Amino acid sequence: MKILVVEDEALMLKTLEMKLQKEGYEVICCSDGRAALELMESENPLMVITDIMLPYSSGIEIIRAAKQKPQPVAVIVLSALGQESTVEEAFEMGADDYITKPFNLNELVIRIKRLLKKA
């Protein structure tokens, strides 16, 4: 199962990539919104894990694009922004889950498995 991870913090991106690969997922990584939108089209991931604050295009734009695909893509938002308005906007755009940073990697994996079972 292919997961696209979009995170502009290099250490966090590498940590997520390694953990998800260890769990058996095919992981595609990028560090900005524009690249994420391109990869979503060319790679057709089953899930996108994205930060909200990104260079070039925001996580909100990524959520919107993921949910407009013919077969909607599951989206988990990771963000240090715990502001209620940001959380609401992410869910209004169709986010399936929202985790505030810092977070537990094992909890993230549990949430991924739960969402992919539904898909």
PDB file of N, CA and C in Angstrom:
ATOM      1  N   MET A   1       0.833  -1.177   0.000  1.00  0.00           N
ATOM      2  CA  MET A   1       0.000   0.000   0.000  1.00  0.00           C
ATOM      3  C   MET A   1       0.879   1.242   0.000  1.00  0.00           C
ATOM      4  N   LYS A   2       0.531   2.152  -0.859  1.00  0.00           N
ATOM      5  CA  LYS A   2       1.344   3.347  -1.086  1.00  0.00           C
ATOM      6  C   LYS A   2       0.830   4.533  -0.275  1.00  0.00           C
ATOM      7  N   ILE A   3       1.757   5.165   0.476  1.00  0.00           N
ATOM      8  CA  ILE A   3       1.425   6.336   1.284  1.00  0.00           C
ATOM      9  C   ILE A   3       2.335   7.491   0.878  1.00  0.00           C
ATOM     10  N   LEU A   4       1.728   8.639   0.619  1.00  0.00           N
ATOM     11  CA  LEU A   4       2.471   9.866   0.337  1.00  0.00           C
ATOM     12  C   LEU A   4       2.591  10.654   1.633  1.00  0.00           C
ATOM     13  N   VAL A   5       3.844  10.970   2.027  1.00  0.00           N
ATOM     14  CA  VAL A   5       4.089  11.753   3.241  1.00  0.00           C
ATOM     15  C   VAL A   5       4.610  13.127   2.831  1.00  0.00           C
ATOM     16  N   VAL A   6       3.931  14.171   3.294  1.00  0.00           N
ATOM     17  CA  VAL A   6       4.296  15.547   2.949  1.00  0.00           C
ATOM     18  C   VAL A   6       4.637  16.284   4.245  1.00  0.00           C
ATOM     19  N   GLU A   7       5.909  16.603   4.410  1.00  0.00           N
ATOM     20  CA  GLU A   7       6.388  17.227   5.646  1.00  0.00           C
ATOM     21  C   GLU A   7       7.613  18.056   5.309  1.00  0.00           C
ATOM     22  N   ASP A   8       7.613  19.342   5.698  1.00  0.00           N
ATOM     23  CA  ASP A   8       8.739  20.203   5.346  1.00  0.00           C
ATOM     24  C   ASP A   8       9.885  20.157   6.359  1.00  0.00           C
ATOM     25  N   GLU A   9       9.698  19.485   7.463  1.00  0.00           N
ATOM     26  CA  GLU A   9      10.767  19.322   8.447  1.00  0.00           C
ATOM     27  C   GLU A   9      11.511  18.018   8.122  1.00  0.00           C
ATOM     28  N   ALA A  10      12.770  18.139   7.685  1.00  0.00           N
ATOM     29  CA  ALA A  10      13.535  17.002   7.155  1.00  0.00           C
ATOM     30  C   ALA A  10      13.631  15.821   8.121  1.00  0.00           C
ATOM     31  N   LEU A  11      13.924  16.082   9.383  1.00  0.00           N
ATOM     32  CA  LEU A  11      14.068  14.997  10.353  1.00  0.00           C
ATOM     33  C   LEU A  11      12.745  14.260  10.561  1.00  0.00           C
ATOM     34  N   MET A  12      11.658  14.993  10.651  1.00  0.00           N
ATOM     35  CA  MET A  12      10.337  14.383  10.811  1.00  0.00           C
ATOM     36  C   MET A  12       9.987  13.547   9.577  1.00  0.00           C
ATOM     37  N   LEU A  13      10.295  14.066   8.393  1.00  0.00           N
ATOM     38  CA  LEU A  13      10.010  13.355   7.151  1.00  0.00           C
ATOM     39  C   LEU A  13      10.755  12.020   7.115  1.00  0.00           C
ATOM     40  N   LYS A  14      12.037  12.034   7.457  1.00  0.00           N
ATOM     41  CA  LYS A  14      12.851  10.813   7.442  1.00  0.00           C
ATOM     42  C   LYS A  14      12.358   9.821   8.489  1.00  0.00           C
ATOM     43  N   THR A  15      11.988  10.326   9.661  1.00  0.00           N
ATOM     44  CA  THR A  15      11.476   9.454  10.727  1.00  0.00           C
ATOM     45  C   THR A  15      10.190   8.760  10.290  1.00  0.00           C
ATOM     46  N   LEU A  16       9.278   9.523   9.710  1.00  0.00           N
ATOM     47  CA  LEU A  16       8.029   8.941   9.223  1.00  0.00           C
ATOM     48  C   LEU A  16       8.286   7.916   8.121  1.00  0.00           C
ATOM     49  N   GLU A  17       9.169   8.257   7.198  1.00  0.00           N
ATOM     50  CA  GLU A  17       9.487   7.341   6.099  1.00  0.00           C
ATOM     51  C   GLU A  17      10.012   6.011   6.644  1.00  0.00           C
ATOM     52  N   MET A  18      10.965   6.083   7.557  1.00  0.00           N
ATOM     53  CA  MET A  18      11.565   4.855   8.097  1.00  0.00           C
ATOM     54  C   MET A  18      10.546   4.017   8.871  1.00  0.00           C
ATOM     55  N   LYS A  19       9.731   4.654   9.694  1.00  0.00           N
ATOM     56  CA  LYS A  19       8.730   3.931  10.489  1.00  0.00           C
ATOM     57  C   LYS A  19       7.700   3.260   9.586  1.00  0.00           C
ATOM     58  N   LEU A  20       7.211   3.973   8.590  1.00  0.00           N
ATOM     59  CA  LEU A  20       6.182   3.413   7.716  1.00  0.00           C
ATOM     60  C   LEU A  20       6.742   2.300   6.825  1.00  0.00           C
ATOM     61  N   GLN A  21       7.983   2.453   6.368  1.00  0.00           N
ATOM     62  CA  GLN A  21       8.609   1.379   5.593  1.00  0.00           C
ATOM     63  C   GLN A  21       8.777   0.132   6.458  1.00  0.00           C
ATOM     64  N   LYS A  22       9.177   0.328   7.703  1.00  0.00           N
ATOM     65  CA  LYS A  22       9.335  -0.788   8.635  1.00  0.00           C
ATOM     66  C   LYS A  22       8.002  -1.512   8.840  1.00  0.00           C
ATOM     67  N   GLU A  23       6.893  -0.770   8.754  1.00  0.00           N
ATOM     68  CA  GLU A  23       5.555  -1.352   8.900  1.00  0.00           C
ATOM     69  C   GLU A  23       5.073  -2.021   7.605  1.00  0.00           C
ATOM     70  N   GLY A  24       5.868  -1.924   6.537  1.00  0.00           N
ATOM     71  CA  GLY A  24       5.539  -2.605   5.293  1.00  0.00           C
ATOM     72  C   GLY A  24       4.868  -1.761   4.222  1.00  0.00           C
ATOM     73  N   TYR A  25       4.804  -0.457   4.427  1.00  0.00           N
ATOM     74  CA  TYR A  25       4.177   0.411   3.440  1.00  0.00           C
ATOM     75  C   TYR A  25       5.192   0.903   2.425  1.00  0.00           C
ATOM     76  N   GLU A  26       4.721   1.136   1.198  1.00  0.00           N
ATOM     77  CA  GLU A  26       5.528   1.806   0.185  1.00  0.00           C
ATOM     78  C   GLU A  26       5.340   3.302   0.443  1.00  0.00           C
ATOM     79  N   VAL A  27       6.449   4.002   0.687  1.00  0.00           N
ATOM     80  CA  VAL A  27       6.372   5.397   1.109  1.00  0.00           C
ATOM     81  C   VAL A  27       6.997   6.316   0.057  1.00  0.00           C
ATOM     82  N   ILE A  28       6.249   7.356  -0.293  1.00  0.00           N
ATOM     83  CA  ILE A  28       6.731   8.398  -1.195  1.00  0.00           C
ATOM     84  C   ILE A  28       6.786   9.663  -0.351  1.00  0.00           C
ATOM     85  N   CYS A  29       7.911  10.355  -0.385  1.00  0.00           N
ATOM     86  CA  CYS A  29       8.074  11.535   0.462  1.00  0.00           C
ATOM     87  C   CYS A  29       8.337  12.785  -0.368  1.00  0.00           C
ATOM     88  N   CYS A  30       7.859  13.908   0.151  1.00  0.00           N
ATOM     89  CA  CYS A  30       8.215  15.200  -0.414  1.00  0.00           C
ATOM     90  C   CYS A  30       8.081  16.260   0.678  1.00  0.00           C
ATOM     91  N   SER A  31       8.665  17.426   0.415  1.00  0.00           N
ATOM     92  CA  SER A  31       8.721  18.436   1.472  1.00  0.00           C
ATOM     93  C   SER A  31       7.966  19.724   1.138  1.00  0.00           C
ATOM     94  N   ASP A  32       7.210  19.713   0.032  1.00  0.00           N
ATOM     95  CA  ASP A  32       6.413  20.907  -0.256  1.00  0.00           C
ATOM     96  C   ASP A  32       5.106  20.532  -0.946  1.00  0.00           C
ATOM     97  N   GLY A  33       4.156  21.446  -0.866  1.00  0.00           N
ATOM     98  CA  GLY A  33       2.820  21.195  -1.383  1.00  0.00           C
ATOM     99  C   GLY A  33       2.738  21.015  -2.885  1.00  0.00           C
ATOM    100  N   ARG A  34       3.542  21.767  -3.628  1.00  0.00           N
ATOM    101  CA  ARG A  34       3.504  21.654  -5.088  1.00  0.00           C
ATOM    102  C   ARG A  34       3.935  20.253  -5.526  1.00  0.00           C
ATOM    103  N   ALA A  35       5.028  19.755  -4.944  1.00  0.00           N
ATOM    104  CA  ALA A  35       5.504  18.400  -5.264  1.00  0.00           C
ATOM    105  C   ALA A  35       4.463  17.357  -4.850  1.00  0.00           C
ATOM    106  N   ALA A  36       3.801  17.589  -3.715  1.00  0.00           N
ATOM    107  CA  ALA A  36       2.781  16.655  -3.239  1.00  0.00           C
ATOM    108  C   ALA A  36       1.637  16.536  -4.234  1.00  0.00           C
ATOM    109  N   LEU A  37       1.184  17.665  -4.760  1.00  0.00           N
ATOM    110  CA  LEU A  37       0.087  17.640  -5.731  1.00  0.00           C
ATOM    111  C   LEU A  37       0.491  16.881  -6.996  1.00  0.00           C
ATOM    112  N   GLU A  38       1.726  17.057  -7.440  1.00  0.00           N
ATOM    113  CA  GLU A  38       2.227  16.332  -8.620  1.00  0.00           C
ATOM    114  C   GLU A  38       2.327  14.830  -8.334  1.00  0.00           C
ATOM    115  N   LEU A  39       2.875  14.483  -7.167  1.00  0.00           N
ATOM    116  CA  LEU A  39       3.038  13.070  -6.807  1.00  0.00           C
ATOM    117  C   LEU A  39       1.689  12.379  -6.599  1.00  0.00           C
ATOM    118  N   MET A  40       0.710  13.108  -6.116  1.00  0.00           N
ATOM    119  CA  MET A  40      -0.611  12.523  -5.933  1.00  0.00           C
ATOM    120  C   MET A  40      -1.181  12.080  -7.282  1.00  0.00           C
ATOM    121  N   GLU A  41      -0.908  12.857  -8.325  1.00  0.00           N
ATOM    122  CA  GLU A  41      -1.391  12.513  -9.665  1.00  0.00           C
ATOM    123  C   GLU A  41      -0.599  11.361 -10.283  1.00  0.00           C
ATOM    124  N   SER A  42       0.722  11.405 -10.146  1.00  0.00           N
ATOM    125  CA  SER A  42       1.550  10.401 -10.827  1.00  0.00           C
ATOM    126  C   SER A  42       1.657   9.080 -10.069  1.00  0.00           C
ATOM    127  N   GLU A  43       1.558   9.102  -8.749  1.00  0.00           N
ATOM    128  CA  GLU A  43       1.780   7.892  -7.946  1.00  0.00           C
ATOM    129  C   GLU A  43       0.503   7.226  -7.435  1.00  0.00           C
ATOM    130  N   ASN A  44      -0.606   7.945  -7.423  1.00  0.00           N
ATOM    131  CA  ASN A  44      -1.892   7.413  -6.947  1.00  0.00           C
ATOM    132  C   ASN A  44      -1.795   6.695  -5.592  1.00  0.00           C
ATOM    133  N   PRO A  45      -1.384   7.409  -4.551  1.00  0.00           N
ATOM    134  CA  PRO A  45      -1.306   6.760  -3.236  1.00  0.00           C
ATOM    135  C   PRO A  45      -2.699   6.468  -2.678  1.00  0.00           C
ATOM    136  N   LEU A  46      -2.773   5.498  -1.761  1.00  0.00           N
ATOM    137  CA  LEU A  46      -4.037   5.200  -1.082  1.00  0.00           C
ATOM    138  C   LEU A  46      -4.276   6.162   0.066  1.00  0.00           C
ATOM    139  N   MET A  47      -3.166   6.768   0.558  1.00  0.00           N
ATOM    140  CA  MET A  47      -3.272   7.668   1.698  1.00  0.00           C
ATOM    141  C   MET A  47      -2.247   8.776   1.567  1.00  0.00           C
ATOM    142  N   VAL A  48      -2.606   9.947   2.106  1.00  0.00           N
ATOM    143  CA  VAL A  48      -1.690  11.075   2.204  1.00  0.00           C
ATOM    144  C   VAL A  48      -1.615  11.474   3.670  1.00  0.00           C
ATOM    145  N   ILE A  49      -0.391  11.626   4.153  1.00  0.00           N
ATOM    146  CA  ILE A  49      -0.150  12.165   5.487  1.00  0.00           C
ATOM    147  C   ILE A  49       0.530  13.500   5.257  1.00  0.00           C
ATOM    148  N   THR A  50      -0.112  14.573   5.689  1.00  0.00           N
ATOM    149  CA  THR A  50       0.403  15.898   5.347  1.00  0.00           C
ATOM    150  C   THR A  50       0.400  16.861   6.523  1.00  0.00           C
ATOM    151  N   ASP A  51       1.385  17.735   6.510  1.00  0.00           N
ATOM    152  CA  ASP A  51       1.419  18.877   7.417  1.00  0.00           C
ATOM    153  C   ASP A  51       0.464  19.922   6.830  1.00  0.00           C
ATOM    154  N   ILE A  52       0.077  20.899   7.613  1.00  0.00           N
ATOM    155  CA  ILE A  52      -0.768  21.983   7.103  1.00  0.00           C
ATOM    156  C   ILE A  52       0.086  23.107   6.524  1.00  0.00           C
ATOM    157  N   MET A  53       1.071  23.551   7.283  1.00  0.00           N
ATOM    158  CA  MET A  53       1.930  24.660   6.860  1.00  0.00           C
ATOM    159  C   MET A  53       3.078  24.116   6.008  1.00  0.00           C
ATOM    160  N   LEU A  54       2.994  24.345   4.700  1.00  0.00           N
ATOM    161  CA  LEU A  54       3.979  23.836   3.744  1.00  0.00           C
ATOM    162  C   LEU A  54       4.361  24.929   2.758  1.00  0.00           C
ATOM    163  N   PRO A  55       5.559  24.830   2.179  1.00  0.00           N
ATOM    164  CA  PRO A  55       5.909  25.761   1.100  1.00  0.00           C
ATOM    165  C   PRO A  55       5.055  25.503  -0.148  1.00  0.00           C
ATOM    166  N   TYR A  56       4.773  26.529  -0.901  1.00  0.00           N
ATOM    167  CA  TYR A  56       4.104  26.529  -2.217  1.00  0.00           C
ATOM    168  C   TYR A  56       2.607  26.247  -2.197  1.00  0.00           C
ATOM    169  N   SER A  57       2.171  25.159  -1.593  1.00  0.00           N
ATOM    170  CA  SER A  57       0.741  24.851  -1.470  1.00  0.00           C
ATOM    171  C   SER A  57       0.506  24.333  -0.063  1.00  0.00           C
ATOM    172  N   SER A  58      -0.614  24.705   0.535  1.00  0.00           N
ATOM    173  CA  SER A  58      -0.878  24.297   1.919  1.00  0.00           C
ATOM    174  C   SER A  58      -1.435  22.877   1.999  1.00  0.00           C
ATOM    175  N   GLY A  59      -1.428  22.359   3.201  1.00  0.00           N
ATOM    176  CA  GLY A  59      -2.032  21.053   3.440  1.00  0.00           C
ATOM    177  C   GLY A  59      -3.515  21.046   3.120  1.00  0.00           C
ATOM    178  N   ILE A  60      -4.170  22.194   3.291  1.00  0.00           N
ATOM    179  CA  ILE A  60      -5.597  22.302   2.959  1.00  0.00           C
ATOM    180  C   ILE A  60      -5.807  22.057   1.467  1.00  0.00           C
ATOM    181  N   GLU A  61      -4.929  22.607   0.624  1.00  0.00           N
ATOM    182  CA  GLU A  61      -5.031  22.380  -0.821  1.00  0.00           C
ATOM    183  C   GLU A  61      -4.782  20.911  -1.159  1.00  0.00           C
ATOM    184  N   ILE A  62      -3.893  20.277  -0.426  1.00  0.00           N
ATOM    185  CA  ILE A  62      -3.610  18.855  -0.645  1.00  0.00           C
ATOM    186  C   ILE A  62      -4.830  18.013  -0.273  1.00  0.00           C
ATOM    187  N   ILE A  63      -5.470  18.345   0.839  1.00  0.00           N
ATOM    188  CA  ILE A  63      -6.688  17.630   1.244  1.00  0.00           C
ATOM    189  C   ILE A  63      -7.746  17.759   0.154  1.00  0.00           C
ATOM    190  N   ARG A  64      -7.968  18.994  -0.312  1.00  0.00           N
ATOM    191  CA  ARG A  64      -8.973  19.244  -1.348  1.00  0.00           C
ATOM    192  C   ARG A  64      -8.694  18.392  -2.594  1.00  0.00           C
ATOM    193  N   ALA A  65      -7.438  18.380  -3.043  1.00  0.00           N
ATOM    194  CA  ALA A  65      -7.075  17.603  -4.235  1.00  0.00           C
ATOM    195  C   ALA A  65      -7.266  16.105  -4.009  1.00  0.00           C
ATOM    196  N   ALA A  66      -6.907  15.631  -2.821  1.00  0.00           N
ATOM    197  CA  ALA A  66      -7.045  14.198  -2.514  1.00  0.00           C
ATOM    198  C   ALA A  66      -8.499  13.763  -2.548  1.00  0.00           C
ATOM    199  N   LYS A  67      -9.386  14.629  -2.077  1.00  0.00           N
ATOM    200  CA  LYS A  67     -10.797  14.275  -2.010  1.00  0.00           C
ATOM    201  C   LYS A  67     -11.524  14.469  -3.336  1.00  0.00           C
ATOM    202  N   GLN A  68     -10.883  15.135  -4.301  1.00  0.00           N
ATOM    203  CA  GLN A  68     -11.492  15.324  -5.618  1.00  0.00           C
ATOM    204  C   GLN A  68     -11.091  14.239  -6.604  1.00  0.00           C
ATOM    205  N   LYS A  69     -10.201  13.361  -6.200  1.00  0.00           N
ATOM    206  CA  LYS A  69      -9.790  12.282  -7.101  1.00  0.00           C
ATOM    207  C   LYS A  69     -10.962  11.320  -7.315  1.00  0.00           C
ATOM    208  N   PRO A  70     -11.003  10.638  -8.459  1.00  0.00           N
ATOM    209  CA  PRO A  70     -12.108   9.709  -8.732  1.00  0.00           C
ATOM    210  C   PRO A  70     -12.290   8.676  -7.607  1.00  0.00           C
ATOM    211  N   GLN A  71     -11.173   8.170  -7.101  1.00  0.00           N
ATOM    212  CA  GLN A  71     -11.228   7.299  -5.925  1.00  0.00           C
ATOM    213  C   GLN A  71     -10.563   8.093  -4.796  1.00  0.00           C
ATOM    214  N   PRO A  72     -11.369   8.730  -3.929  1.00  0.00           N
ATOM    215  CA  PRO A  72     -10.798   9.597  -2.902  1.00  0.00           C
ATOM    216  C   PRO A  72      -9.714   8.917  -2.069  1.00  0.00           C
ATOM    217  N   VAL A  73      -8.727   9.708  -1.722  1.00  0.00           N
ATOM    218  CA  VAL A  73      -7.561   9.251  -0.981  1.00  0.00           C
ATOM    219  C   VAL A  73      -7.776   9.584   0.498  1.00  0.00           C
ATOM    220  N   ALA A  74      -7.457   8.651   1.385  1.00  0.00           N
ATOM    221  CA  ALA A  74      -7.541   8.913   2.822  1.00  0.00           C
ATOM    222  C   ALA A  74      -6.477   9.954   3.188  1.00  0.00           C
ATOM    223  N   VAL A  75      -6.810  10.859   4.107  1.00  0.00           N
ATOM    224  CA  VAL A  75      -5.887  11.925   4.490  1.00  0.00           C
ATOM    225  C   VAL A  75      -5.781  12.018   6.011  1.00  0.00           C
ATOM    226  N   ILE A  76      -4.542  11.974   6.492  1.00  0.00           N
ATOM    227  CA  ILE A  76      -4.260  12.254   7.894  1.00  0.00           C
ATOM    228  C   ILE A  76      -3.444  13.540   7.931  1.00  0.00           C
ATOM    229  N   VAL A  77      -3.882  14.486   8.741  1.00  0.00           N
ATOM    230  CA  VAL A  77      -3.182  15.758   8.880  1.00  0.00           C
ATOM    231  C   VAL A  77      -2.342  15.716  10.151  1.00  0.00           C
ATOM    232  N   LEU A  78      -1.069  16.093  10.002  1.00  0.00           N
ATOM    233  CA  LEU A  78      -0.167  16.244  11.143  1.00  0.00           C
ATOM    234  C   LEU A  78       0.156  17.717  11.228  1.00  0.00           C
ATOM    235  N   SER A  79      -0.059  18.307  12.373  1.00  0.00           N
ATOM    236  CA  SER A  79       0.231  19.728  12.458  1.00  0.00           C
ATOM    237  C   SER A  79       0.524  20.174  13.871  1.00  0.00           C
ATOM    238  N   ALA A  80       1.450  21.100  13.979  1.00  0.00           N
ATOM    239  CA  ALA A  80       1.727  21.729  15.269  1.00  0.00           C
ATOM    240  C   ALA A  80       0.645  22.754  15.572  1.00  0.00           C
ATOM    241  N   LEU A  81      -0.120  23.104  14.565  1.00  0.00           N
ATOM    242  CA  LEU A  81      -1.217  24.055  14.753  1.00  0.00           C
ATOM    243  C   LEU A  81      -2.399  23.327  15.370  1.00  0.00           C
ATOM    244  N   GLY A  82      -2.650  23.576  16.643  1.00  0.00           N
ATOM    245  CA  GLY A  82      -3.772  22.935  17.292  1.00  0.00           C
ATOM    246  C   GLY A  82      -4.977  23.848  17.336  1.00  0.00           C
ATOM    247  N   GLN A  83      -4.921  24.923  16.568  1.00  0.00           N
ATOM    248  CA  GLN A  83      -6.013  25.894  16.590  1.00  0.00           C
ATOM    249  C   GLN A  83      -7.298  25.266  16.075  1.00  0.00           C
ATOM    250  N   GLU A  84      -8.355  25.523  16.788  1.00  0.00           N
ATOM    251  CA  GLU A  84      -9.640  24.933  16.460  1.00  0.00           C
ATOM    252  C   GLU A  84     -10.080  25.256  15.032  1.00  0.00           C
ATOM    253  N   SER A  85      -9.852  26.483  14.577  1.00  0.00           N
ATOM    254  CA  SER A  85     -10.278  26.856  13.225  1.00  0.00           C
ATOM    255  C   SER A  85      -9.531  26.060  12.159  1.00  0.00           C
ATOM    256  N   THR A  86      -8.258  25.781  12.388  1.00  0.00           N
ATOM    257  CA  THR A  86      -7.463  24.996  11.434  1.00  0.00           C
ATOM    258  C   THR A  86      -7.959  23.558  11.386  1.00  0.00           C
ATOM    259  N   VAL A  87      -8.236  23.003  12.555  1.00  0.00           N
ATOM    260  CA  VAL A  87      -8.756  21.635  12.637  1.00  0.00           C
ATOM    261  C   VAL A  87     -10.100  21.553  11.918  1.00  0.00           C
ATOM    262  N   GLU A  88     -10.976  22.509  12.177  1.00  0.00           N
ATOM    263  CA  GLU A  88     -12.287  22.537  11.527  1.00  0.00           C
ATOM    264  C   GLU A  88     -12.162  22.626  10.012  1.00  0.00           C
ATOM    265  N   GLU A  89     -11.279  23.497   9.538  1.00  0.00           N
ATOM    266  CA  GLU A  89     -11.101  23.647   8.095  1.00  0.00           C
ATOM    267  C   GLU A  89     -10.597  22.357   7.465  1.00  0.00           C
ATOM    268  N   ALA A  90      -9.650  21.692   8.133  1.00  0.00           N
ATOM    269  CA  ALA A  90      -9.121  20.428   7.610  1.00  0.00           C
ATOM    270  C   ALA A  90     -10.234  19.389   7.490  1.00  0.00           C
ATOM    271  N   PHE A  91     -11.074  19.280   8.504  1.00  0.00           N
ATOM    272  CA  PHE A  91     -12.178  18.317   8.445  1.00  0.00           C
ATOM    273  C   PHE A  91     -13.237  18.726   7.420  1.00  0.00           C
ATOM    274  N   GLU A  92     -13.494  20.025   7.280  1.00  0.00           N
ATOM    275  CA  GLU A  92     -14.453  20.493   6.276  1.00  0.00           C
ATOM    276  C   GLU A  92     -13.988  20.143   4.861  1.00  0.00           C
ATOM    277  N   MET A  93     -12.687  20.172   4.644  1.00  0.00           N
ATOM    278  CA  MET A  93     -12.138  19.833   3.332  1.00  0.00           C
ATOM    279  C   MET A  93     -12.123  18.323   3.101  1.00  0.00           C
ATOM    280  N   GLY A  94     -12.361  17.548   4.170  1.00  0.00           N
ATOM    281  CA  GLY A  94     -12.449  16.104   4.002  1.00  0.00           C
ATOM    282  C   GLY A  94     -11.370  15.289   4.688  1.00  0.00           C
ATOM    283  N   ALA A  95     -10.541  15.906   5.515  1.00  0.00           N
ATOM    284  CA  ALA A  95      -9.513  15.137   6.229  1.00  0.00           C
ATOM    285  C   ALA A  95     -10.180  14.016   7.018  1.00  0.00           C
ATOM    286  N   ASP A  96      -9.538  12.861   7.049  1.00  0.00           N
ATOM    287  CA  ASP A  96     -10.088  11.712   7.760  1.00  0.00           C
ATOM    288  C   ASP A  96      -9.631  11.663   9.211  1.00  0.00           C
ATOM    289  N   ASP A  97      -8.482  12.262   9.497  1.00  0.00           N
ATOM    290  CA  ASP A  97      -7.953  12.267  10.852  1.00  0.00           C
ATOM    291  C   ASP A  97      -7.005  13.443  11.004  1.00  0.00           C
ATOM    292  N   TYR A  98      -6.752  13.847  12.244  1.00  0.00           N
ATOM    293  CA  TYR A  98      -5.917  15.006  12.539  1.00  0.00           C
ATOM    294  C   TYR A  98      -5.128  14.701  13.797  1.00  0.00           C
ATOM    295  N   ILE A  99      -3.810  14.798  13.714  1.00  0.00           N
ATOM    296  CA  ILE A  99      -2.951  14.537  14.863  1.00  0.00           C
ATOM    297  C   ILE A  99      -2.091  15.771  15.110  1.00  0.00           C
ATOM    298  N   THR A 100      -2.093  16.232  16.350  1.00  0.00           N
ATOM    299  CA  THR A 100      -1.301  17.400  16.711  1.00  0.00           C
ATOM    300  C   THR A 100       0.120  16.976  17.090  1.00  0.00           C
ATOM    301  N   LYS A 101       1.101  17.692  16.547  1.00  0.00           N
ATOM    302  CA  LYS A 101       2.504  17.430  16.885  1.00  0.00           C
ATOM    303  C   LYS A 101       2.806  18.002  18.261  1.00  0.00           C
ATOM    304  N   PRO A 102       3.675  17.393  19.015  1.00  0.00           N
ATOM    305  CA  PRO A 102       4.331  16.107  18.771  1.00  0.00           C
ATOM    306  C   PRO A 102       3.340  14.963  18.990  1.00  0.00           C
ATOM    307  N   PHE A 103       3.614  13.825  18.362  1.00  0.00           N
ATOM    308  CA  PHE A 103       2.710  12.685  18.446  1.00  0.00           C
ATOM    309  C   PHE A 103       3.518  11.402  18.585  1.00  0.00           C
ATOM    310  N   ASN A 104       2.829  10.339  18.934  1.00  0.00           N
ATOM    311  CA  ASN A 104       3.434   9.024  19.100  1.00  0.00           C
ATOM    312  C   ASN A 104       3.363   8.284  17.763  1.00  0.00           C
ATOM    313  N   LEU A 105       4.506   7.805  17.279  1.00  0.00           N
ATOM    314  CA  LEU A 105       4.547   7.111  15.981  1.00  0.00           C
ATOM    315  C   LEU A 105       3.683   5.856  15.968  1.00  0.00           C
ATOM    316  N   ASN A 106       3.656   5.128  17.070  1.00  0.00           N
ATOM    317  CA  ASN A 106       2.836   3.916  17.117  1.00  0.00           C
ATOM    318  C   ASN A 106       1.349   4.248  17.024  1.00  0.00           C
ATOM    319  N   GLU A 107       0.944   5.359  17.634  1.00  0.00           N
ATOM    320  CA  GLU A 107      -0.452   5.799  17.521  1.00  0.00           C
ATOM    321  C   GLU A 107      -0.780   6.150  16.066  1.00  0.00           C
ATOM    322  N   LEU A 108       0.154   6.804  15.386  1.00  0.00           N
ATOM    323  CA  LEU A 108      -0.047   7.132  13.975  1.00  0.00           C
ATOM    324  C   LEU A 108      -0.246   5.859  13.155  1.00  0.00           C
ATOM    325  N   VAL A 109       0.575   4.847  13.389  1.00  0.00           N
ATOM    326  CA  VAL A 109       0.458   3.586  12.644  1.00  0.00           C
ATOM    327  C   VAL A 109      -0.902   2.935  12.887  1.00  0.00           C
ATOM    328  N   ILE A 110      -1.382   2.972  14.121  1.00  0.00           N
ATOM    329  CA  ILE A 110      -2.704   2.416  14.438  1.00  0.00           C
ATOM    330  C   ILE A 110      -3.789   3.156  13.656  1.00  0.00           C
ATOM    331  N   ARG A 111      -3.682   4.472  13.602  1.00  0.00           N
ATOM    332  CA  ARG A 111      -4.676   5.272  12.867  1.00  0.00           C
ATOM    333  C   ARG A 111      -4.612   4.985  11.366  1.00  0.00           C
ATOM    334  N   ILE A 112      -3.407   4.807  10.829  1.00  0.00           N
ATOM    335  CA  ILE A 112      -3.238   4.471   9.412  1.00  0.00           C
ATOM    336  C   ILE A 112      -3.927   3.145   9.107  1.00  0.00           C
ATOM    337  N   LYS A 113      -3.640   2.138   9.912  1.00  0.00           N
ATOM    338  CA  LYS A 113      -4.238   0.811   9.688  1.00  0.00           C
ATOM    339  C   LYS A 113      -5.759   0.861   9.748  1.00  0.00           C
ATOM    340  N   ARG A 114      -6.283   1.623  10.699  1.00  0.00           N
ATOM    341  CA  ARG A 114      -7.735   1.745  10.845  1.00  0.00           C
ATOM    342  C   ARG A 114      -8.361   2.391   9.600  1.00  0.00           C
ATOM    343  N   LEU A 115      -7.741   3.456   9.110  1.00  0.00           N
ATOM    344  CA  LEU A 115      -8.275   4.138   7.934  1.00  0.00           C
ATOM    345  C   LEU A 115      -8.161   3.286   6.669  1.00  0.00           C
ATOM    346  N   LEU A 116      -7.045   2.585   6.520  1.00  0.00           N
ATOM    347  CA  LEU A 116      -6.870   1.766   5.315  1.00  0.00           C
ATOM    348  C   LEU A 116      -7.799   0.569   5.305  1.00  0.00           C
ATOM    349  N   LYS A 117      -8.201   0.077   6.456  1.00  0.00           N
ATOM    350  CA  LYS A 117      -9.189  -1.014   6.520  1.00  0.00           C
ATOM    351  C   LYS A 117     -10.529  -0.554   5.954  1.00  0.00           C
ATOM    352  N   LYS A 118     -10.886   0.710   6.239  1.00  0.00           N
ATOM    353  CA  LYS A 118     -12.150   1.270   5.755  1.00  0.00           C
ATOM    354  C   LYS A 118     -12.136   1.478   4.249  1.00  0.00           C
ATOM    355  N   ALA A 119     -10.950   1.744   3.691  1.00  0.00           N
ATOM    356  CA  ALA A 119     -10.841   2.090   2.259  1.00  0.00           C
ATOM    357  C   ALA A 119     -11.126   0.916   1.357  1.00  0.00           C
TER     358      ALA A 119
END
